[in-house]
PDB file of N, CA and C in Angstrom:
ATOM      1  N   UNK A   1    -110.270 -62.665  -0.630  1.00  0.00           N
ATOM      2  CA  UNK A   1    -109.639 -62.426  -1.960  1.00  0.00           C
ATOM      3  C   UNK A   1    -108.314 -63.138  -2.033  1.00  0.00           C
ATOM      4  N   UNK A   2    -108.000 -63.723  -3.068  1.00  0.00           N
ATOM      5  CA  UNK A   2    -106.849 -64.492  -3.317  1.00  0.00           C
ATOM      6  C   UNK A   2    -105.704 -63.552  -3.852  1.00  0.00           C
ATOM      7  N   UNK A   3    -104.594 -63.655  -3.250  1.00  0.00           N
ATOM      8  CA  UNK A   3    -103.389 -62.808  -3.780  1.00  0.00           C
ATOM      9  C   UNK A   3    -102.833 -63.466  -5.039  1.00  0.00           C
ATOM     10  N   UNK A   4    -102.492 -62.577  -6.040  1.00  0.00           N
ATOM     11  CA  UNK A   4    -101.827 -63.113  -7.201  1.00  0.00           C
ATOM     12  C   UNK A   4    -100.435 -62.480  -7.280  1.00  0.00           C
ATOM     13  N   UNK A   5     -99.506 -63.347  -7.440  1.00  0.00           N
ATOM     14  CA  UNK A   5     -98.049 -62.842  -7.579  1.00  0.00           C
ATOM     15  C   UNK A   5     -97.561 -63.103  -8.934  1.00  0.00           C
ATOM     16  N   UNK A   6     -96.982 -62.089  -9.634  1.00  0.00           N
ATOM     17  CA  UNK A   6     -96.455 -62.341 -10.927  1.00  0.00           C
ATOM     18  C   UNK A   6     -94.909 -62.446 -10.835  1.00  0.00           C
ATOM     19  N   UNK A   7     -94.393 -63.343 -11.768  1.00  0.00           N
ATOM     20  CA  UNK A   7     -92.963 -63.501 -11.728  1.00  0.00           C
ATOM     21  C   UNK A   7     -92.397 -62.836 -13.047  1.00  0.00           C
ATOM     22  N   UNK A   8     -91.089 -63.015 -13.218  1.00  0.00           N
ATOM     23  CA  UNK A   8     -90.352 -62.332 -14.313  1.00  0.00           C
ATOM     24  C   UNK A   8     -90.828 -62.972 -15.692  1.00  0.00           C
ATOM     25  N   UNK A   9     -91.510 -64.142 -15.735  1.00  0.00           N
ATOM     26  CA  UNK A   9     -91.932 -64.724 -16.962  1.00  0.00           C
ATOM     27  C   UNK A   9     -93.343 -64.451 -17.349  1.00  0.00           C
ATOM     28  N   UNK A  10     -93.964 -63.702 -16.561  1.00  0.00           N
ATOM     29  CA  UNK A  10     -95.391 -63.309 -16.834  1.00  0.00           C
ATOM     30  C   UNK A  10     -95.393 -62.022 -17.704  1.00  0.00           C
ATOM     31  N   UNK A  11     -96.333 -62.024 -18.805  1.00  0.00           N
ATOM     32  CA  UNK A  11     -96.365 -60.844 -19.634  1.00  0.00           C
ATOM     33  C   UNK A  11     -97.057 -59.690 -18.851  1.00  0.00           C
ATOM     34  N   UNK A  12     -96.489 -58.646 -18.694  1.00  0.00           N
ATOM     35  CA  UNK A  12     -97.053 -57.491 -17.948  1.00  0.00           C
ATOM     36  C   UNK A  12     -97.106 -56.244 -18.704  1.00  0.00           C
ATOM     37  N   UNK A  13     -96.518 -56.202 -19.945  1.00  0.00           N
ATOM     38  CA  UNK A  13     -96.587 -54.980 -20.809  1.00  0.00           C
ATOM     39  C   UNK A  13     -97.369 -55.385 -21.974  1.00  0.00           C
ATOM     40  N   UNK A  14     -98.556 -54.551 -22.184  1.00  0.00           N
ATOM     41  CA  UNK A  14     -99.356 -54.733 -23.257  1.00  0.00           C
ATOM     42  C   UNK A  14     -99.302 -53.602 -24.312  1.00  0.00           C
ATOM     43  N   UNK A  15     -98.955 -54.005 -25.550  1.00  0.00           N
ATOM     44  CA  UNK A  15     -98.545 -53.071 -26.623  1.00  0.00           C
ATOM     45  C   UNK A  15     -99.431 -53.241 -27.779  1.00  0.00           C
ATOM     46  N   UNK A  16     -99.358 -52.183 -28.664  1.00  0.00           N
ATOM     47  CA  UNK A  16    -100.190 -52.263 -29.904  1.00  0.00           C
ATOM     48  C   UNK A  16     -99.382 -51.699 -31.017  1.00  0.00           C
ATOM     49  N   UNK A  17     -99.671 -52.005 -32.270  1.00  0.00           N
ATOM     50  CA  UNK A  17     -99.173 -51.440 -33.445  1.00  0.00           C
ATOM     51  C   UNK A  17    -100.042 -50.200 -33.776  1.00  0.00           C
ATOM     52  N   UNK A  18     -99.254 -49.093 -33.829  1.00  0.00           N
ATOM     53  CA  UNK A  18    -100.019 -47.824 -34.213  1.00  0.00           C
ATOM     54  C   UNK A  18    -100.457 -47.667 -35.650  1.00  0.00           C
ATOM     55  N   UNK A  19    -100.095 -48.769 -36.430  1.00  0.00           N
ATOM     56  CA  UNK A  19    -100.334 -48.608 -37.896  1.00  0.00           C
ATOM     57  C   UNK A  19    -101.237 -49.747 -38.309  1.00  0.00           C
ATOM     58  N   UNK A  20    -101.190 -50.877 -37.796  1.00  0.00           N
ATOM     59  CA  UNK A  20    -101.765 -52.059 -38.335  1.00  0.00           C
ATOM     60  C   UNK A  20    -103.016 -52.536 -37.690  1.00  0.00           C
ATOM     61  N   UNK A  21    -103.970 -53.068 -38.484  1.00  0.00           N
ATOM     62  CA  UNK A  21    -105.335 -53.511 -37.869  1.00  0.00           C
ATOM     63  C   UNK A  21    -105.474 -54.992 -38.253  1.00  0.00           C
ATOM     64  N   UNK A  22    -104.398 -55.686 -38.774  1.00  0.00           N
ATOM     65  CA  UNK A  22    -104.380 -57.141 -39.013  1.00  0.00           C
ATOM     66  C   UNK A  22    -104.322 -57.871 -37.774  1.00  0.00           C
ATOM     67  N   UNK A  23    -104.815 -59.117 -37.720  1.00  0.00           N
ATOM     68  CA  UNK A  23    -104.858 -59.886 -36.489  1.00  0.00           C
ATOM     69  C   UNK A  23    -103.465 -60.697 -36.130  1.00  0.00           C
ATOM     70  N   UNK A  24    -102.911 -61.315 -37.166  1.00  0.00           N
ATOM     71  CA  UNK A  24    -101.664 -61.925 -36.942  1.00  0.00           C
ATOM     72  C   UNK A  24    -101.600 -62.939 -35.861  1.00  0.00           C
ATOM     73  N   UNK A  25    -100.546 -63.076 -35.089  1.00  0.00           N
ATOM     74  CA  UNK A  25    -100.418 -64.039 -33.963  1.00  0.00           C
ATOM     75  C   UNK A  25    -101.083 -63.460 -32.714  1.00  0.00           C
ATOM     76  N   UNK A  26    -101.036 -62.202 -32.601  1.00  0.00           N
ATOM     77  CA  UNK A  26    -101.524 -61.437 -31.305  1.00  0.00           C
ATOM     78  C   UNK A  26    -103.062 -61.538 -31.354  1.00  0.00           C
ATOM     79  N   UNK A  27    -103.656 -60.545 -30.850  1.00  0.00           N
ATOM     80  CA  UNK A  27    -105.150 -60.576 -30.837  1.00  0.00           C
ATOM     81  C   UNK A  27    -105.646 -59.309 -31.464  1.00  0.00           C
ATOM     82  N   UNK A  28    -106.836 -59.459 -32.123  1.00  0.00           N
ATOM     83  CA  UNK A  28    -107.469 -58.291 -32.743  1.00  0.00           C
ATOM     84  C   UNK A  28    -108.556 -57.846 -31.821  1.00  0.00           C
ATOM     85  N   UNK A  29    -108.390 -56.662 -31.280  1.00  0.00           N
ATOM     86  CA  UNK A  29    -109.341 -56.107 -30.318  1.00  0.00           C
ATOM     87  C   UNK A  29    -109.735 -54.791 -30.919  1.00  0.00           C
ATOM     88  N   UNK A  30    -111.051 -54.557 -31.248  1.00  0.00           N
ATOM     89  CA  UNK A  30    -111.380 -53.318 -31.900  1.00  0.00           C
ATOM     90  C   UNK A  30    -110.682 -53.196 -33.189  1.00  0.00           C
ATOM     91  N   UNK A  31    -109.880 -52.237 -33.335  1.00  0.00           N
ATOM     92  CA  UNK A  31    -109.295 -51.989 -34.704  1.00  0.00           C
ATOM     93  C   UNK A  31    -107.746 -51.840 -34.632  1.00  0.00           C
ATOM     94  N   UNK A  32    -107.065 -52.684 -33.741  1.00  0.00           N
ATOM     95  CA  UNK A  32    -105.578 -52.688 -33.643  1.00  0.00           C
ATOM     96  C   UNK A  32    -105.060 -54.095 -33.418  1.00  0.00           C
ATOM     97  N   UNK A  33    -103.747 -54.106 -33.723  1.00  0.00           N
ATOM     98  CA  UNK A  33    -103.003 -55.427 -33.450  1.00  0.00           C
ATOM     99  C   UNK A  33    -102.324 -55.260 -32.140  1.00  0.00           C
ATOM    100  N   UNK A  34    -102.506 -56.187 -31.210  1.00  0.00           N
ATOM    101  CA  UNK A  34    -101.983 -56.072 -29.843  1.00  0.00           C
ATOM    102  C   UNK A  34    -101.397 -57.351 -29.348  1.00  0.00           C
ATOM    103  N   UNK A  35    -100.439 -57.232 -28.524  1.00  0.00           N
ATOM    104  CA  UNK A  35     -99.848 -58.384 -27.916  1.00  0.00           C
ATOM    105  C   UNK A  35     -99.224 -58.087 -26.537  1.00  0.00           C
ATOM    106  N   UNK A  36     -99.127 -59.058 -25.592  1.00  0.00           N
ATOM    107  CA  UNK A  36     -98.543 -58.834 -24.355  1.00  0.00           C
ATOM    108  C   UNK A  36     -97.044 -59.330 -24.304  1.00  0.00           C
ATOM    109  N   UNK A  37     -96.203 -58.650 -23.510  1.00  0.00           N
ATOM    110  CA  UNK A  37     -94.766 -59.033 -23.429  1.00  0.00           C
ATOM    111  C   UNK A  37     -94.345 -59.068 -21.982  1.00  0.00           C
ATOM    112  N   UNK A  38     -93.251 -59.839 -21.822  1.00  0.00           N
ATOM    113  CA  UNK A  38     -92.568 -59.822 -20.456  1.00  0.00           C
ATOM    114  C   UNK A  38     -91.586 -58.595 -20.554  1.00  0.00           C
ATOM    115  N   UNK A  39     -91.142 -58.188 -19.441  1.00  0.00           N
ATOM    116  CA  UNK A  39     -90.273 -56.999 -19.355  1.00  0.00           C
ATOM    117  C   UNK A  39     -89.017 -57.230 -20.142  1.00  0.00           C
ATOM    118  N   UNK A  40     -88.441 -58.438 -20.155  1.00  0.00           N
ATOM    119  CA  UNK A  40     -87.183 -58.841 -20.833  1.00  0.00           C
ATOM    120  C   UNK A  40     -87.467 -58.815 -22.387  1.00  0.00           C
ATOM    121  N   UNK A  41     -88.616 -59.323 -22.812  1.00  0.00           N
ATOM    122  CA  UNK A  41     -88.920 -59.290 -24.228  1.00  0.00           C
ATOM    123  C   UNK A  41     -89.065 -57.834 -24.764  1.00  0.00           C
ATOM    124  N   UNK A  42     -89.712 -57.058 -23.890  1.00  0.00           N
ATOM    125  CA  UNK A  42     -90.048 -55.711 -24.308  1.00  0.00           C
ATOM    126  C   UNK A  42     -88.720 -54.912 -24.556  1.00  0.00           C
ATOM    127  N   UNK A  43     -87.740 -55.113 -23.721  1.00  0.00           N
ATOM    128  CA  UNK A  43     -86.362 -54.466 -23.835  1.00  0.00           C
ATOM    129  C   UNK A  43     -85.727 -54.629 -25.193  1.00  0.00           C
ATOM    130  N   UNK A  44     -86.270 -55.666 -25.944  1.00  0.00           N
ATOM    131  CA  UNK A  44     -85.704 -55.999 -27.271  1.00  0.00           C
ATOM    132  C   UNK A  44     -86.244 -55.197 -28.319  1.00  0.00           C
ATOM    133  N   UNK A  45     -87.188 -54.256 -27.965  1.00  0.00           N
ATOM    134  CA  UNK A  45     -87.929 -53.401 -28.915  1.00  0.00           C
ATOM    135  C   UNK A  45     -88.656 -54.196 -30.037  1.00  0.00           C
ATOM    136  N   UNK A  46     -89.650 -54.917 -29.562  1.00  0.00           N
ATOM    137  CA  UNK A  46     -90.419 -55.803 -30.523  1.00  0.00           C
ATOM    138  C   UNK A  46     -91.150 -54.800 -31.682  1.00  0.00           C
ATOM    139  N   UNK A  47     -91.342 -55.541 -32.794  1.00  0.00           N
ATOM    140  CA  UNK A  47     -92.076 -54.822 -33.868  1.00  0.00           C
ATOM    141  C   UNK A  47     -93.312 -55.655 -34.259  1.00  0.00           C
ATOM    142  N   UNK A  48     -94.224 -55.039 -34.891  1.00  0.00           N
ATOM    143  CA  UNK A  48     -95.473 -55.705 -35.411  1.00  0.00           C
ATOM    144  C   UNK A  48     -95.082 -56.890 -36.403  1.00  0.00           C
ATOM    145  N   UNK A  49     -95.620 -57.920 -36.149  1.00  0.00           N
ATOM    146  CA  UNK A  49     -95.363 -59.198 -36.963  1.00  0.00           C
ATOM    147  C   UNK A  49     -96.034 -59.059 -38.288  1.00  0.00           C
ATOM    148  N   UNK A  50     -97.006 -58.119 -38.505  1.00  0.00           N
ATOM    149  CA  UNK A  50     -97.679 -57.955 -39.812  1.00  0.00           C
ATOM    150  C   UNK A  50     -96.954 -56.806 -40.721  1.00  0.00           C
ATOM    151  N   UNK A  51     -96.507 -55.747 -40.092  1.00  0.00           N
ATOM    152  CA  UNK A  51     -95.939 -54.721 -40.859  1.00  0.00           C
ATOM    153  C   UNK A  51     -94.585 -54.108 -40.499  1.00  0.00           C
ATOM    154  N   UNK A  52     -93.921 -54.755 -39.434  1.00  0.00           N
ATOM    155  CA  UNK A  52     -92.634 -54.348 -39.025  1.00  0.00           C
ATOM    156  C   UNK A  52     -92.569 -53.002 -38.350  1.00  0.00           C
ATOM    157  N   UNK A  53     -93.651 -52.330 -37.901  1.00  0.00           N
ATOM    158  CA  UNK A  53     -93.728 -51.085 -37.197  1.00  0.00           C
ATOM    159  C   UNK A  53     -93.393 -51.307 -35.724  1.00  0.00           C
ATOM    160  N   UNK A  54     -92.556 -50.491 -35.089  1.00  0.00           N
ATOM    161  CA  UNK A  54     -92.260 -50.628 -33.628  1.00  0.00           C
ATOM    162  C   UNK A  54     -93.576 -50.439 -32.930  1.00  0.00           C
ATOM    163  N   UNK A  55     -93.819 -51.379 -31.910  1.00  0.00           N
ATOM    164  CA  UNK A  55     -95.024 -51.419 -31.068  1.00  0.00           C
ATOM    165  C   UNK A  55     -94.958 -50.281 -29.987  1.00  0.00           C
ATOM    166  N   UNK A  56     -96.097 -49.798 -29.569  1.00  0.00           N
ATOM    167  CA  UNK A  56     -96.138 -48.780 -28.442  1.00  0.00           C
ATOM    168  C   UNK A  56     -96.937 -49.411 -27.334  1.00  0.00           C
ATOM    169  N   UNK A  57     -96.575 -48.975 -26.112  1.00  0.00           N
ATOM    170  CA  UNK A  57     -97.189 -49.417 -24.871  1.00  0.00           C
ATOM    171  C   UNK A  57     -98.535 -48.821 -24.730  1.00  0.00           C
ATOM    172  N   UNK A  58     -99.571 -49.774 -24.426  1.00  0.00           N
ATOM    173  CA  UNK A  58    -100.963 -49.351 -24.118  1.00  0.00           C
ATOM    174  C   UNK A  58    -101.009 -49.201 -22.567  1.00  0.00           C
ATOM    175  N   UNK A  59    -100.596 -50.184 -21.889  1.00  0.00           N
ATOM    176  CA  UNK A  59    -100.522 -50.225 -20.392  1.00  0.00           C
ATOM    177  C   UNK A  59     -99.599 -51.258 -19.839  1.00  0.00           C
ATOM    178  N   UNK A  60     -99.125 -51.096 -18.596  1.00  0.00           N
ATOM    179  CA  UNK A  60     -98.279 -51.964 -17.925  1.00  0.00           C
ATOM    180  C   UNK A  60     -98.784 -52.329 -16.535  1.00  0.00           C
ATOM    181  N   UNK A  61     -98.673 -53.621 -16.188  1.00  0.00           N
ATOM    182  CA  UNK A  61     -99.179 -54.071 -14.834  1.00  0.00           C
ATOM    183  C   UNK A  61     -97.875 -54.078 -13.919  1.00  0.00           C
ATOM    184  N   UNK A  62     -98.026 -53.390 -12.842  1.00  0.00           N
ATOM    185  CA  UNK A  62     -96.915 -53.286 -11.961  1.00  0.00           C
ATOM    186  C   UNK A  62     -96.834 -54.541 -11.057  1.00  0.00           C
ATOM    187  N   UNK A  63     -95.580 -54.979 -10.846  1.00  0.00           N
ATOM    188  CA  UNK A  63     -95.248 -56.180  -9.962  1.00  0.00           C
ATOM    189  C   UNK A  63     -94.879 -55.569  -8.588  1.00  0.00           C
ATOM    190  N   UNK A  64     -95.184 -56.360  -7.576  1.00  0.00           N
ATOM    191  CA  UNK A  64     -94.812 -55.938  -6.270  1.00  0.00           C
ATOM    192  C   UNK A  64     -93.367 -56.443  -5.943  1.00  0.00           C
TER     193      UNK A  64
END
């Protein structure tokens, strides 16, 4: 198996809009608007590009 190492510029936080089901710039999966963020970008409190609602975390990939 190949080891994969993530750096600070890799998106590791996956978030969704709790309100919006439009596709926008992110990706439409099922019935929500979602996008991946780096830790630095997530600290800026991103909002949905469609409806301006604050995004919520779905899951986060841990870095070693």
